[in-house]
C-alpha cells in the first residue's frame, strides 16, 4: 500500500500567491494571498504566515513543501518586463528559505492550474459568473497541481531507492 503524502503547494506570484495543503487527492486547506498596491513587504509577510498556518494545522513533521520555480523573462515569448518575475522570485526564495527544513520540492512551471475544472476539488472551482479559469482561485488550482507534481516526484525517488 502506498503512503499518502501531504504537501503544501505554493504558486508564488508578484500580486497573488495561491497556497493549498493536499493529502493524496484530498484538499485540506487553501488560501489566496493578494498584494495591496505597493505593499510588497507586507505581502511577503502575509504569504509566509499563510504557509506557516497551513504547516502548523496540517503537516507536523511528516509533510513536504512544493514551490513552483520561476523562469527568467524571455522576450521571445513577449515577457519583457522583468519586474513581476523578480517579485515572484522574491516570494519563491522567501518561502524556500523560511521552510527549508521541509526539504522543499521545486516544481518546474508548466501550465499548472489549467486542467479541466471538474478535475479539481469543488472548493477550488470558480464561482458562478466568475469566468472560466480567470477567478482568484486559479492560483490555488495551480498550487494544487504543484503539490501533485511534488507527490509524484517524491514517490519516484522513493521507488528508485
Protein backbone atom coordinates (compact mmCIF):
# COMPACT_ATOMS: atom_id res chain seq x y z
CA UNK A 1 0.00 0.00 0.00
CA UNK A 2 1.45 3.35 -0.98
CA UNK A 3 1.93 6.06 1.61
CA UNK A 4 -0.27 9.14 1.30
CA UNK A 5 1.95 12.19 1.09
CA UNK A 6 0.80 15.53 2.48
CA UNK A 7 2.20 18.52 0.60
CA UNK A 8 1.76 22.25 0.90
CA UNK A 9 1.78 23.57 -2.67
CA UNK A 10 2.69 27.21 -3.31
CA UNK A 11 2.15 29.16 -6.52
CA UNK A 12 4.22 32.29 -5.83
CA UNK A 13 3.24 35.42 -7.68
CA UNK A 14 4.05 39.11 -7.76
CA UNK A 15 0.45 40.12 -6.96
CA UNK A 16 -1.26 36.95 -5.70
CA UNK A 17 0.01 33.70 -4.24
CA UNK A 18 -2.02 30.50 -4.02
CA UNK A 19 -1.36 28.04 -1.21
CA UNK A 20 -3.02 24.64 -0.72
CA UNK A 21 -2.44 21.69 1.55
CA UNK A 22 -3.10 18.42 -0.25
CA UNK A 23 -3.11 14.91 1.24
CA UNK A 24 -3.31 12.49 -1.66
CA UNK A 25 -6.36 13.77 -3.56
CA UNK A 26 -7.89 15.49 -0.53
CA UNK A 27 -7.86 19.27 -0.14
CA UNK A 28 -7.13 20.14 3.48
CA UNK A 29 -6.72 23.91 3.21
CA UNK A 30 -6.47 26.72 0.71
CA UNK A 31 -5.54 30.40 0.75
CA UNK A 32 -5.00 33.15 -1.75
CA UNK A 33 -2.85 36.00 -0.53
CA UNK A 34 -3.40 39.20 -2.50
CA UNK A 35 -0.96 42.07 -2.54
CA UNK A 36 -2.23 45.52 -1.76
CA UNK A 37 -0.94 48.23 -4.11
CA UNK A 38 2.71 48.93 -3.41
CA UNK A 39 2.89 46.85 -0.22
CA UNK A 40 5.41 44.16 -1.11
CA UNK A 41 6.94 43.71 2.36
CA UNK A 42 3.54 43.20 4.00
CA UNK A 43 2.50 40.88 1.16
CA UNK A 44 5.59 38.74 1.63
CA UNK A 45 4.96 38.55 5.38
CA UNK A 46 1.32 37.51 4.72
CA UNK A 47 2.45 34.74 2.35
CA UNK A 48 4.94 33.35 4.88
CA UNK A 49 2.32 33.49 7.64
CA UNK A 50 -0.25 31.65 5.49
CA UNK A 51 2.26 28.87 4.77
CA UNK A 52 3.16 28.70 8.47
CA UNK A 53 -0.52 28.40 9.45
CA UNK A 54 -1.12 25.57 6.97
CA UNK A 55 2.07 23.86 8.15
CA UNK A 56 1.04 24.14 11.82
CA UNK A 57 -2.51 22.97 11.10
CA UNK A 58 -1.87 20.09 8.72
CA UNK A 59 1.74 18.97 8.37
CA UNK A 60 3.53 18.49 11.62
CA UNK A 61 6.83 16.85 10.81
CA UNK A 62 5.56 14.38 8.20
CA UNK A 63 4.71 16.70 5.31
CA UNK A 64 6.53 18.37 2.49
CA UNK A 65 6.53 21.68 0.68
CA UNK A 66 6.38 22.28 -3.07
CA UNK A 67 7.02 25.65 -4.68
CA UNK A 68 6.76 26.48 -8.36
CA UNK A 69 10.06 27.61 -9.80
CA UNK A 70 10.43 30.90 -11.67
CA UNK A 71 11.95 31.30 -15.10
CA UNK A 72 13.83 34.33 -16.39
CA UNK A 73 11.86 36.75 -18.59
CA UNK A 74 12.01 35.76 -22.24
CA UNK A 75 11.50 38.49 -24.85
CA UNK A 76 10.78 35.81 -27.47
CA UNK A 77 7.65 34.89 -25.50
CA UNK A 78 6.58 38.51 -25.10
CA UNK A 79 7.78 38.74 -21.50
CA UNK A 80 9.93 41.85 -21.48
CA UNK A 81 9.14 43.44 -18.10
CA UNK A 82 11.29 41.67 -15.50
CA UNK A 83 9.65 43.42 -12.51
CA UNK A 84 6.83 40.93 -11.86
CA UNK A 85 9.15 37.96 -12.39
CA UNK A 86 11.67 39.41 -9.94
CA UNK A 87 8.96 39.99 -7.33
CA UNK A 88 7.53 36.49 -7.80
CA UNK A 89 11.07 35.14 -7.46
CA UNK A 90 11.42 37.01 -4.15
CA UNK A 91 8.28 35.24 -2.89
CA UNK A 92 9.67 31.94 -4.18
CA UNK A 93 13.01 32.46 -2.42
CA UNK A 94 11.46 33.65 0.84
CA UNK A 95 9.20 30.59 1.07
CA UNK A 96 12.07 28.21 0.26
CA UNK A 97 14.38 29.91 2.74
CA UNK A 98 11.89 30.08 5.59
CA UNK A 99 10.69 26.48 5.21
CA UNK A 100 13.89 24.76 4.05
CA UNK A 101 13.52 22.24 6.91
CA UNK A 102 10.63 20.71 4.91
CA UNK A 103 13.07 19.71 2.15
CA UNK A 104 11.06 21.59 -0.48
CA UNK A 105 10.42 20.31 -3.95
CA UNK A 106 10.94 22.95 -6.62
CA UNK A 107 8.49 22.26 -9.43
CA UNK A 108 9.14 23.49 -12.95
CA UNK A 109 6.46 25.82 -14.35
CA UNK A 110 4.14 24.09 -16.77
CA UNK A 111 0.56 25.32 -17.14
CA UNK A 112 -0.32 24.38 -13.58
CA UNK A 113 -3.95 25.11 -12.76
CA UNK A 114 -5.13 24.86 -16.35
CA UNK A 115 -6.66 21.39 -16.24
CA UNK A 116 -10.36 20.66 -16.68
CA UNK A 117 -12.22 22.37 -13.85
CA UNK A 118 -14.04 19.15 -12.97
CA UNK A 119 -10.65 17.62 -12.10
CA UNK A 120 -10.25 20.00 -9.17
CA UNK A 121 -11.96 19.77 -5.79
CA UNK A 122 -15.20 21.80 -5.71
CA UNK A 123 -13.65 24.31 -3.30
CA UNK A 124 -11.08 25.22 -5.99
CA UNK A 125 -13.53 25.74 -8.86
CA UNK A 126 -14.63 29.21 -9.94
CA UNK A 127 -17.87 30.55 -8.59
CA UNK A 128 -20.75 31.09 -10.98
CA UNK A 129 -20.18 34.02 -13.30
CA UNK A 130 -16.50 34.50 -12.47
CA UNK A 131 -15.34 33.36 -15.90
CA UNK A 132 -13.69 30.10 -16.81
CA UNK A 133 -10.31 29.92 -15.11
CA UNK A 134 -9.85 33.64 -14.55
CA UNK A 135 -11.04 33.81 -10.97
CA UNK A 136 -8.77 34.31 -7.97
CA UNK A 137 -8.84 30.55 -7.23
CA UNK A 138 -6.74 29.91 -10.34
CA UNK A 139 -3.72 30.38 -8.07
CA UNK A 140 -5.00 27.67 -5.74
CA UNK A 141 -5.63 25.32 -8.67
CA UNK A 142 -2.05 25.96 -9.73
CA UNK A 143 -0.82 25.23 -6.19
CA UNK A 144 -2.93 22.03 -6.24
CA UNK A 145 -1.15 20.86 -9.40
CA UNK A 146 2.25 21.87 -7.99
CA UNK A 147 1.57 19.73 -4.90
CA UNK A 148 0.58 16.80 -7.15
CA UNK A 149 3.79 17.13 -9.16
CA UNK A 150 5.77 17.06 -5.92
CA UNK A 151 3.90 13.98 -4.71
CA UNK A 152 4.79 12.20 -7.96
CA UNK A 153 8.46 13.23 -7.75
CA UNK A 154 8.73 12.07 -4.14
CA UNK A 155 7.17 8.68 -4.99
CA UNK A 156 9.51 8.20 -7.95
CA UNK A 157 12.57 8.89 -5.79
CA UNK A 158 11.34 6.52 -3.09
CA UNK A 159 10.79 3.75 -5.65
CA UNK A 160 14.30 4.28 -7.02
CA UNK A 161 15.85 3.65 -3.58
